[in-house]
Amino acid sequence: MIDFFSRLDTYMNFKGLNDNRITVEAGISNGLIGKARKRGSLSQENISKILHKYNDLDANWLFTGNGSMLKSVTVEKQLNDIDFIQLKKEIAQLKEINDLLRFKIATQEKEISELKCTQNNPILYRTVAEPAPELTSKKHK
């Protein structure tokens, strides 16, 4: 049963759980997991409650160490609802930033194109008229 508790600890660390939280959420008597660790055994009924509450935990792995710790489920089910909602918000924000960056790139590409055009056709941008000499001289009457 030592390996059982070692694997249970691995799962608990993965999920961010502790003995107290498992006992409360699974409906097991307070302090029972700690006592079971000392005894080296946990009743079938209490193991069933844990497996029922944490339905992503693979029973075969918990008992034998064979297979995967988690049952094969979709990514959406593995994430709790809060994490999933947060990820959706972050994805939406990243899409918005991506759109803004694409717009900026397009604007800058247009500016580059216009600058290249001015280098190839300098006549278009030369001064149209020379300033009148009487306006540029230092002597005004």
Foldseek 3Di string as FASTA:
>chain_A
DQLLVVLVVVVCVVVVHDPQVLCVQLVHDPPQVVVCVVVVHDDPVSVVSSCVRVVQADPCCSVPVPDDRGDDDDPVVVDPPVVVVVVVVVVVVVVVVVVVVVVVVVVVVVVVVVVVVCVVPVVVPDDPDDDDVQVVDPDDD
